Structures are given as structure tokens and as C-alpha cells.
Amino acid sequence: MGEKLVGKVSHYFSRISVAAVDVTDGELNVGDEIHVRGATTDLRQKLESMQLDNAPVNRAAPGDSVGIKVAGVARKGDSVYVVTPD
């Protein structure tokens, strides 16, 4: 399996376990398997939902900043990848 960089974590909201992700490359879709990776972060999960401007969306494109629920602690600057079948 390969991975494609789609963005970076710009903020992490610890009380609700949500990461704000700035999408820079490609697109992010509900149902994608994502990998959040950084110096001390290594989270892999299925993307169950995301929000753009407090409204649920199914797809995010470059230039969007979306909130995603994560299954662990993410940190500002962590890279977000979509896992792709090879």
C-alpha cells in the first residue's frame, strides 16, 4: 500500500479529539483510509466524517481547511496522507 500526502494538521482540539487539516494536494473523502504522521504521531484510521465551516462534507479539495475526528493525539505540523492501494 502506498500513501499520498494531502495536507497538514494546523491545529488539534484535544477536548473533542479533532484535528484541523489544511488540504494542500489531492483530495480527502469520507471513507478514505488516512495516516497522520509526525515526529511523535502515527495514527491510521478510516475517515468517518469531516466538517467544513461547521457543516458536514463528504469531500475536501486543495485550499479547504476541514475538521476531522481522530483516534489519538495529532499535533500541529503533522502530515496527513491518504492510503492508496498499489
PDB file of N, CA and C in Angstrom:
ATOM      1  N   MET A   1       0.843  -1.188   0.000  1.00  0.00           N
ATOM      2  CA  MET A   1       0.000   0.000   0.000  1.00  0.00           C
ATOM      3  C   MET A   1       0.884   1.245   0.000  1.00  0.00           C
ATOM      4  N   GLY A   2       0.452   2.227  -0.778  1.00  0.00           N
ATOM      5  CA  GLY A   2       1.174   3.485  -0.840  1.00  0.00           C
ATOM      6  C   GLY A   2       0.433   4.565  -0.080  1.00  0.00           C
ATOM      7  N   GLU A   3       1.039   5.721  -0.052  1.00  0.00           N
ATOM      8  CA  GLU A   3       0.423   6.858   0.630  1.00  0.00           C
ATOM      9  C   GLU A   3       0.627   8.107  -0.218  1.00  0.00           C
ATOM     10  N   LYS A   4      -0.380   8.998  -0.210  1.00  0.00           N
ATOM     11  CA  LYS A   4      -0.302  10.250  -0.939  1.00  0.00           C
ATOM     12  C   LYS A   4      -0.550  11.388   0.037  1.00  0.00           C
ATOM     13  N   LEU A   5       0.397  12.314   0.116  1.00  0.00           N
ATOM     14  CA  LEU A   5       0.259  13.462   1.007  1.00  0.00           C
ATOM     15  C   LEU A   5      -0.904  14.330   0.537  1.00  0.00           C
ATOM     16  N   VAL A   6      -1.805  14.667   1.458  1.00  0.00           N
ATOM     17  CA  VAL A   6      -2.934  15.531   1.109  1.00  0.00           C
ATOM     18  C   VAL A   6      -2.956  16.825   1.919  1.00  0.00           C
ATOM     19  N   GLY A   7      -2.257  16.881   3.047  1.00  0.00           N
ATOM     20  CA  GLY A   7      -2.280  18.110   3.822  1.00  0.00           C
ATOM     21  C   GLY A   7      -1.518  18.019   5.130  1.00  0.00           C
ATOM     22  N   LYS A   8      -1.696  19.064   5.939  1.00  0.00           N
ATOM     23  CA  LYS A   8      -1.019  19.179   7.226  1.00  0.00           C
ATOM     24  C   LYS A   8      -2.020  19.555   8.308  1.00  0.00           C
ATOM     25  N   VAL A   9      -1.741  19.105   9.520  1.00  0.00           N
ATOM     26  CA  VAL A   9      -2.554  19.488  10.677  1.00  0.00           C
ATOM     27  C   VAL A   9      -2.178  20.914  11.068  1.00  0.00           C
ATOM     28  N   SER A  10      -3.174  21.797  11.130  1.00  0.00           N
ATOM     29  CA  SER A  10      -2.913  23.184  11.516  1.00  0.00           C
ATOM     30  C   SER A  10      -3.267  23.446  12.978  1.00  0.00           C
ATOM     31  N   HIS A  11      -4.111  22.579  13.553  1.00  0.00           N
ATOM     32  CA  HIS A  11      -4.497  22.735  14.956  1.00  0.00           C
ATOM     33  C   HIS A  11      -5.098  21.423  15.445  1.00  0.00           C
ATOM     34  N   TYR A  12      -4.964  21.161  16.737  1.00  0.00           N
ATOM     35  CA  TYR A  12      -5.572  19.982  17.336  1.00  0.00           C
ATOM     36  C   TYR A  12      -6.390  20.413  18.543  1.00  0.00           C
ATOM     37  N   PHE A  13      -7.649  19.994  18.576  1.00  0.00           N
ATOM     38  CA  PHE A  13      -8.558  20.325  19.671  1.00  0.00           C
ATOM     39  C   PHE A  13      -8.665  19.097  20.570  1.00  0.00           C
ATOM     40  N   SER A  14      -7.916  19.099  21.671  1.00  0.00           N
ATOM     41  CA  SER A  14      -7.771  17.906  22.498  1.00  0.00           C
ATOM     42  C   SER A  14      -9.061  17.475  23.182  1.00  0.00           C
ATOM     43  N   ARG A  15      -9.899  18.418  23.596  1.00  0.00           N
ATOM     44  CA  ARG A  15     -11.114  18.025  24.320  1.00  0.00           C
ATOM     45  C   ARG A  15     -12.090  17.234  23.461  1.00  0.00           C
ATOM     46  N   ILE A  16     -12.068  17.487  22.154  1.00  0.00           N
ATOM     47  CA  ILE A  16     -13.000  16.784  21.271  1.00  0.00           C
ATOM     48  C   ILE A  16     -12.279  15.866  20.277  1.00  0.00           C
ATOM     49  N   SER A  17     -10.962  15.741  20.407  1.00  0.00           N
ATOM     50  CA  SER A  17     -10.146  14.877  19.536  1.00  0.00           C
ATOM     51  C   SER A  17     -10.369  15.157  18.052  1.00  0.00           C
ATOM     52  N   VAL A  18     -10.301  16.445  17.704  1.00  0.00           N
ATOM     53  CA  VAL A  18     -10.486  16.861  16.313  1.00  0.00           C
ATOM     54  C   VAL A  18      -9.232  17.581  15.839  1.00  0.00           C
ATOM     55  N   ALA A  19      -8.792  17.207  14.637  1.00  0.00           N
ATOM     56  CA  ALA A  19      -7.652  17.869  14.006  1.00  0.00           C
ATOM     57  C   ALA A  19      -8.159  18.756  12.879  1.00  0.00           C
ATOM     58  N   ALA A  20      -7.672  19.997  12.826  1.00  0.00           N
ATOM     59  CA  ALA A  20      -7.950  20.874  11.688  1.00  0.00           C
ATOM     60  C   ALA A  20      -6.873  20.580  10.659  1.00  0.00           C
ATOM     61  N   VAL A  21      -7.285  20.216   9.450  1.00  0.00           N
ATOM     62  CA  VAL A  21      -6.354  19.826   8.401  1.00  0.00           C
ATOM     63  C   VAL A  21      -6.482  20.795   7.230  1.00  0.00           C
ATOM     64  N   ASP A  22      -5.360  21.402   6.845  1.00  0.00           N
ATOM     65  CA  ASP A  22      -5.309  22.230   5.645  1.00  0.00           C
ATOM     66  C   ASP A  22      -4.968  21.323   4.480  1.00  0.00           C
ATOM     67  N   VAL A  23      -5.919  21.154   3.551  1.00  0.00           N
ATOM     68  CA  VAL A  23      -5.715  20.291   2.391  1.00  0.00           C
ATOM     69  C   VAL A  23      -4.900  21.071   1.357  1.00  0.00           C
ATOM     70  N   THR A  24      -3.758  20.503   0.959  1.00  0.00           N
ATOM     71  CA  THR A  24      -2.867  21.188   0.015  1.00  0.00           C
ATOM     72  C   THR A  24      -2.719  20.455  -1.309  1.00  0.00           C
ATOM     73  N   ASP A  25      -2.859  19.139  -1.306  1.00  0.00           N
ATOM     74  CA  ASP A  25      -2.674  18.334  -2.514  1.00  0.00           C
ATOM     75  C   ASP A  25      -3.762  17.273  -2.588  1.00  0.00           C
ATOM     76  N   GLY A  26      -4.242  16.998  -3.775  1.00  0.00           N
ATOM     77  CA  GLY A  26      -5.220  15.923  -3.933  1.00  0.00           C
ATOM     78  C   GLY A  26      -6.518  16.253  -3.238  1.00  0.00           C
ATOM     79  N   GLU A  27      -7.227  15.221  -2.842  1.00  0.00           N
ATOM     80  CA  GLU A  27      -8.487  15.435  -2.139  1.00  0.00           C
ATOM     81  C   GLU A  27      -8.655  14.416  -1.026  1.00  0.00           C
ATOM     82  N   LEU A  28      -9.517  14.757  -0.105  1.00  0.00           N
ATOM     83  CA  LEU A  28      -9.815  13.935   1.058  1.00  0.00           C
ATOM     84  C   LEU A  28     -11.300  13.619   0.995  1.00  0.00           C
ATOM     85  N   ASN A  29     -11.654  12.339   1.118  1.00  0.00           N
ATOM     86  CA  ASN A  29     -13.044  11.915   1.031  1.00  0.00           C
ATOM     87  C   ASN A  29     -13.424  11.085   2.252  1.00  0.00           C
ATOM     88  N   VAL A  30     -14.667  11.245   2.696  1.00  0.00           N
ATOM     89  CA  VAL A  30     -15.184  10.380   3.758  1.00  0.00           C
ATOM     90  C   VAL A  30     -15.093   8.952   3.242  1.00  0.00           C
ATOM     91  N   GLY A  31     -14.587   8.056   4.078  1.00  0.00           N
ATOM     92  CA  GLY A  31     -14.395   6.660   3.686  1.00  0.00           C
ATOM     93  C   GLY A  31     -12.950   6.330   3.357  1.00  0.00           C
ATOM     94  N   ASP A  32     -12.124   7.365   3.102  1.00  0.00           N
ATOM     95  CA  ASP A  32     -10.701   7.140   2.839  1.00  0.00           C
ATOM     96  C   ASP A  32     -10.019   6.598   4.089  1.00  0.00           C
ATOM     97  N   GLU A  33      -8.998   5.775   3.886  1.00  0.00           N
ATOM     98  CA  GLU A  33      -8.125   5.415   4.998  1.00  0.00           C
ATOM     99  C   GLU A  33      -7.030   6.463   5.034  1.00  0.00           C
ATOM    100  N   ILE A  34      -6.840   7.079   6.208  1.00  0.00           N
ATOM    101  CA  ILE A  34      -5.823   8.129   6.332  1.00  0.00           C
ATOM    102  C   ILE A  34      -4.738   7.704   7.306  1.00  0.00           C
ATOM    103  N   HIS A  35      -3.580   8.349   7.157  1.00  0.00           N
ATOM    104  CA  HIS A  35      -2.447   8.116   8.038  1.00  0.00           C
ATOM    105  C   HIS A  35      -1.936   9.491   8.445  1.00  0.00           C
ATOM    106  N   VAL A  36      -1.985   9.794   9.745  1.00  0.00           N
ATOM    107  CA  VAL A  36      -1.477  11.051  10.290  1.00  0.00           C
ATOM    108  C   VAL A  36      -0.125  10.731  10.900  1.00  0.00           C
ATOM    109  N   ARG A  37       0.910  11.394  10.388  1.00  0.00           N
ATOM    110  CA  ARG A  37       2.263  11.040  10.799  1.00  0.00           C
ATOM    111  C   ARG A  37       3.081  12.294  11.117  1.00  0.00           C
ATOM    112  N   GLY A  38       3.818  12.217  12.208  1.00  0.00           N
ATOM    113  CA  GLY A  38       4.691  13.309  12.611  1.00  0.00           C
ATOM    114  C   GLY A  38       5.821  12.762  13.458  1.00  0.00           C
ATOM    115  N   ALA A  39       6.546  13.659  14.130  1.00  0.00           N
ATOM    116  CA  ALA A  39       7.698  13.256  14.938  1.00  0.00           C
ATOM    117  C   ALA A  39       7.306  12.241  16.016  1.00  0.00           C
ATOM    118  N   THR A  40       6.154  12.439  16.650  1.00  0.00           N
ATOM    119  CA  THR A  40       5.702  11.522  17.694  1.00  0.00           C
ATOM    120  C   THR A  40       4.292  11.016  17.435  1.00  0.00           C
ATOM    121  N   THR A  41       3.778  11.235  16.231  1.00  0.00           N
ATOM    122  CA  THR A  41       2.412  10.842  15.879  1.00  0.00           C
ATOM    123  C   THR A  41       2.451   9.746  14.822  1.00  0.00           C
ATOM    124  N   ASP A  42       1.618   8.736  14.979  1.00  0.00           N
ATOM    125  CA  ASP A  42       1.476   7.679  13.973  1.00  0.00           C
ATOM    126  C   ASP A  42       0.078   7.081  14.104  1.00  0.00           C
ATOM    127  N   LEU A  43      -0.911   7.741  13.470  1.00  0.00           N
ATOM    128  CA  LEU A  43      -2.306   7.312  13.554  1.00  0.00           C
ATOM    129  C   LEU A  43      -2.769   6.848  12.181  1.00  0.00           C
ATOM    130  N   ARG A  44      -3.436   5.717  12.141  1.00  0.00           N
ATOM    131  CA  ARG A  44      -4.014   5.206  10.897  1.00  0.00           C
ATOM    132  C   ARG A  44      -5.471   4.872  11.190  1.00  0.00           C
ATOM    133  N   GLN A  45      -6.383   5.397  10.371  1.00  0.00           N
ATOM    134  CA  GLN A  45      -7.807   5.178  10.615  1.00  0.00           C
ATOM    135  C   GLN A  45      -8.602   5.451   9.350  1.00  0.00           C
ATOM    136  N   LYS A  46      -9.854   4.986   9.369  1.00  0.00           N
ATOM    137  CA  LYS A  46     -10.790   5.291   8.299  1.00  0.00           C
ATOM    138  C   LYS A  46     -11.408   6.643   8.618  1.00  0.00           C
ATOM    139  N   LEU A  47     -11.532   7.504   7.622  1.00  0.00           N
ATOM    140  CA  LEU A  47     -12.118   8.825   7.807  1.00  0.00           C
ATOM    141  C   LEU A  47     -13.638   8.686   7.828  1.00  0.00           C
ATOM    142  N   GLU A  48     -14.213   8.820   9.017  1.00  0.00           N
ATOM    143  CA  GLU A  48     -15.655   8.610   9.206  1.00  0.00           C
ATOM    144  C   GLU A  48     -16.483   9.845   8.867  1.00  0.00           C
ATOM    145  N   SER A  49     -15.955  11.037   9.170  1.00  0.00           N
ATOM    146  CA  SER A  49     -16.690  12.274   8.898  1.00  0.00           C
ATOM    147  C   SER A  49     -15.725  13.449   8.917  1.00  0.00           C
ATOM    148  N   MET A  50     -16.144  14.535   8.276  1.00  0.00           N
ATOM    149  CA  MET A  50     -15.367  15.769   8.352  1.00  0.00           C
ATOM    150  C   MET A  50     -16.304  16.953   8.182  1.00  0.00           C
ATOM    151  N   GLN A  51     -15.829  18.102   8.654  1.00  0.00           N
ATOM    152  CA  GLN A  51     -16.647  19.312   8.592  1.00  0.00           C
ATOM    153  C   GLN A  51     -15.844  20.452   7.988  1.00  0.00           C
ATOM    154  N   LEU A  52     -16.549  21.276   7.236  1.00  0.00           N
ATOM    155  CA  LEU A  52     -16.002  22.490   6.648  1.00  0.00           C
ATOM    156  C   LEU A  52     -16.919  23.623   7.077  1.00  0.00           C
ATOM    157  N   ASP A  53     -16.403  24.604   7.771  1.00  0.00           N
ATOM    158  CA  ASP A  53     -17.209  25.713   8.296  1.00  0.00           C
ATOM    159  C   ASP A  53     -18.399  25.209   9.109  1.00  0.00           C
ATOM    160  N   ASN A  54     -18.152  24.240   9.986  1.00  0.00           N
ATOM    161  CA  ASN A  54     -19.147  23.660  10.887  1.00  0.00           C
ATOM    162  C   ASN A  54     -20.292  22.939  10.185  1.00  0.00           C
ATOM    163  N   ALA A  55     -20.096  22.579   8.928  1.00  0.00           N
ATOM    164  CA  ALA A  55     -21.111  21.820   8.191  1.00  0.00           C
ATOM    165  C   ALA A  55     -20.481  20.530   7.687  1.00  0.00           C
ATOM    166  N   PRO A  56     -21.195  19.408   7.785  1.00  0.00           N
ATOM    167  CA  PRO A  56     -20.637  18.143   7.311  1.00  0.00           C
ATOM    168  C   PRO A  56     -20.405  18.170   5.793  1.00  0.00           C
ATOM    169  N   VAL A  57     -19.271  17.624   5.358  1.00  0.00           N
ATOM    170  CA  VAL A  57     -18.958  17.499   3.934  1.00  0.00           C
ATOM    171  C   VAL A  57     -18.417  16.096   3.679  1.00  0.00           C
ATOM    172  N   ASN A  58     -18.523  15.644   2.435  1.00  0.00           N
ATOM    173  CA  ASN A  58     -18.015  14.323   2.061  1.00  0.00           C
ATOM    174  C   ASN A  58     -16.673  14.402   1.342  1.00  0.00           C
ATOM    175  N   ARG A  59     -16.300  15.613   0.890  1.00  0.00           N
ATOM    176  CA  ARG A  59     -15.087  15.766   0.096  1.00  0.00           C
ATOM    177  C   ARG A  59     -14.433  17.100   0.414  1.00  0.00           C
ATOM    178  N   ALA A  60     -13.108  17.105   0.451  1.00  0.00           N
ATOM    179  CA  ALA A  60     -12.348  18.339   0.644  1.00  0.00           C
ATOM    180  C   ALA A  60     -11.295  18.424  -0.448  1.00  0.00           C
ATOM    181  N   ALA A  61     -11.105  19.616  -0.998  1.00  0.00           N
ATOM    182  CA  ALA A  61     -10.166  19.842  -2.096  1.00  0.00           C
ATOM    183  C   ALA A  61      -9.066  20.802  -1.629  1.00  0.00           C
ATOM    184  N   PRO A  62      -7.994  20.956  -2.423  1.00  0.00           N
ATOM    185  CA  PRO A  62      -6.931  21.886  -2.047  1.00  0.00           C
ATOM    186  C   PRO A  62      -7.489  23.282  -1.756  1.00  0.00           C
ATOM    187  N   GLY A  63      -7.012  23.861  -0.674  1.00  0.00           N
ATOM    188  CA  GLY A  63      -7.471  25.167  -0.224  1.00  0.00           C
ATOM    189  C   GLY A  63      -8.491  25.084   0.899  1.00  0.00           C
ATOM    190  N   ASP A  64      -9.083  23.899   1.104  1.00  0.00           N
ATOM    191  CA  ASP A  64     -10.049  23.719   2.185  1.00  0.00           C
ATOM    192  C   ASP A  64      -9.328  23.448   3.505  1.00  0.00           C
ATOM    193  N   SER A  65      -9.931  23.896   4.586  1.00  0.00           N
ATOM    194  CA  SER A  65      -9.459  23.569   5.929  1.00  0.00           C
ATOM    195  C   SER A  65     -10.616  22.854   6.617  1.00  0.00           C
ATOM    196  N   VAL A  66     -10.433  21.560   6.883  1.00  0.00           N
ATOM    197  CA  VAL A  66     -11.517  20.741   7.423  1.00  0.00           C
ATOM    198  C   VAL A  66     -11.172  20.221   8.810  1.00  0.00           C
ATOM    199  N   GLY A  67     -12.205  19.947   9.569  1.00  0.00           N
ATOM    200  CA  GLY A  67     -12.047  19.325  10.874  1.00  0.00           C
ATOM    201  C   GLY A  67     -12.352  17.846  10.753  1.00  0.00           C
ATOM    202  N   ILE A  68     -11.447  17.006  11.281  1.00  0.00           N
ATOM    203  CA  ILE A  68     -11.680  15.562  11.255  1.00  0.00           C
ATOM    204  C   ILE A  68     -11.475  14.988  12.653  1.00  0.00           C
ATOM    205  N   LYS A  69     -12.341  14.065  13.014  1.00  0.00           N
ATOM    206  CA  LYS A  69     -12.236  13.358  14.297  1.00  0.00           C
ATOM    207  C   LYS A  69     -11.091  12.355  14.171  1.00  0.00           C
ATOM    208  N   VAL A  70     -10.160  12.371  15.114  1.00  0.00           N
ATOM    209  CA  VAL A  70      -9.036  11.436  15.072  1.00  0.00           C
ATOM    210  C   VAL A  70      -9.045  10.528  16.294  1.00  0.00           C
ATOM    211  N   ALA A  71      -8.467   9.354  16.123  1.00  0.00           N
ATOM    212  CA  ALA A  71      -8.494   8.316  17.157  1.00  0.00           C
ATOM    213  C   ALA A  71      -7.315   8.409  18.117  1.00  0.00           C
ATOM    214  N   GLY A  72      -6.635   9.525  18.129  1.00  0.00           N
ATOM    215  CA  GLY A  72      -5.498   9.717  19.021  1.00  0.00           C
ATOM    216  C   GLY A  72      -5.114  11.180  19.010  1.00  0.00           C
ATOM    217  N   VAL A  73      -3.927  11.483  19.519  1.00  0.00           N
ATOM    218  CA  VAL A  73      -3.462  12.864  19.582  1.00  0.00           C
ATOM    219  C   VAL A  73      -2.703  13.204  18.304  1.00  0.00           C
ATOM    220  N   ALA A  74      -3.141  14.277  17.640  1.00  0.00           N
ATOM    221  CA  ALA A  74      -2.419  14.816  16.486  1.00  0.00           C
ATOM    222  C   ALA A  74      -1.755  16.114  16.931  1.00  0.00           C
ATOM    223  N   ARG A  75      -0.737  16.507  16.210  1.00  0.00           N
ATOM    224  CA  ARG A  75      -0.004  17.720  16.575  1.00  0.00           C
ATOM    225  C   ARG A  75       0.126  18.645  15.379  1.00  0.00           C
ATOM    226  N   LYS A  76       0.192  19.938  15.654  1.00  0.00           N
ATOM    227  CA  LYS A  76       0.362  20.930  14.596  1.00  0.00           C
ATOM    228  C   LYS A  76       1.597  20.565  13.775  1.00  0.00           C
ATOM    229  N   GLY A  77       1.443  20.576  12.462  1.00  0.00           N
ATOM    230  CA  GLY A  77       2.554  20.257  11.573  1.00  0.00           C
ATOM    231  C   GLY A  77       2.607  18.810  11.127  1.00  0.00           C
ATOM    232  N   ASP A  78       1.811  17.932  11.755  1.00  0.00           N
ATOM    233  CA  ASP A  78       1.770  16.528  11.322  1.00  0.00           C
ATOM    234  C   ASP A  78       1.272  16.459   9.881  1.00  0.00           C
ATOM    235  N   SER A  79       1.801  15.518   9.132  1.00  0.00           N
ATOM    236  CA  SER A  79       1.376  15.302   7.745  1.00  0.00           C
ATOM    237  C   SER A  79       0.200  14.341   7.710  1.00  0.00           C
ATOM    238  N   VAL A  80      -0.718  14.605   6.792  1.00  0.00           N
ATOM    239  CA  VAL A  80      -1.899  13.748   6.617  1.00  0.00           C
ATOM    240  C   VAL A  80      -1.814  13.121   5.228  1.00  0.00           C
ATOM    241  N   TYR A  81      -1.874  11.793   5.193  1.00  0.00           N
ATOM    242  CA  TYR A  81      -1.778  11.036   3.952  1.00  0.00           C
ATOM    243  C   TYR A  81      -3.050  10.232   3.730  1.00  0.00           C
ATOM    244  N   VAL A  82      -3.394  10.010   2.457  1.00  0.00           N
ATOM    245  CA  VAL A  82      -4.431   9.049   2.091  1.00  0.00           C
ATOM    246  C   VAL A  82      -3.708   7.776   1.708  1.00  0.00           C
ATOM    247  N   VAL A  83      -4.123   6.660   2.294  1.00  0.00           N
ATOM    248  CA  VAL A  83      -3.531   5.358   1.974  1.00  0.00           C
ATOM    249  C   VAL A  83      -4.151   4.887   0.666  1.00  0.00           C
ATOM    250  N   THR A  84      -3.278   4.542  -0.297  1.00  0.00           N
ATOM    251  CA  THR A  84      -3.739   4.131  -1.620  1.00  0.00           C
ATOM    252  C   THR A  84      -3.334   2.692  -1.895  1.00  0.00           C
ATOM    253  N   PRO A  85      -4.211   1.933  -2.547  1.00  0.00           N
ATOM    254  CA  PRO A  85      -3.820   0.571  -2.924  1.00  0.00           C
ATOM    255  C   PRO A  85      -2.830   0.620  -4.076  1.00  0.00           C
ATOM    256  N   ASP A  86      -1.810  -0.197  -3.998  1.00  0.00           N
ATOM    257  CA  ASP A  86      -0.804  -0.235  -5.082  1.00  0.00           C
ATOM    258  C   ASP A  86      -0.881  -1.518  -5.857  1.00  0.00           C
TER     259      ASP A  86
END
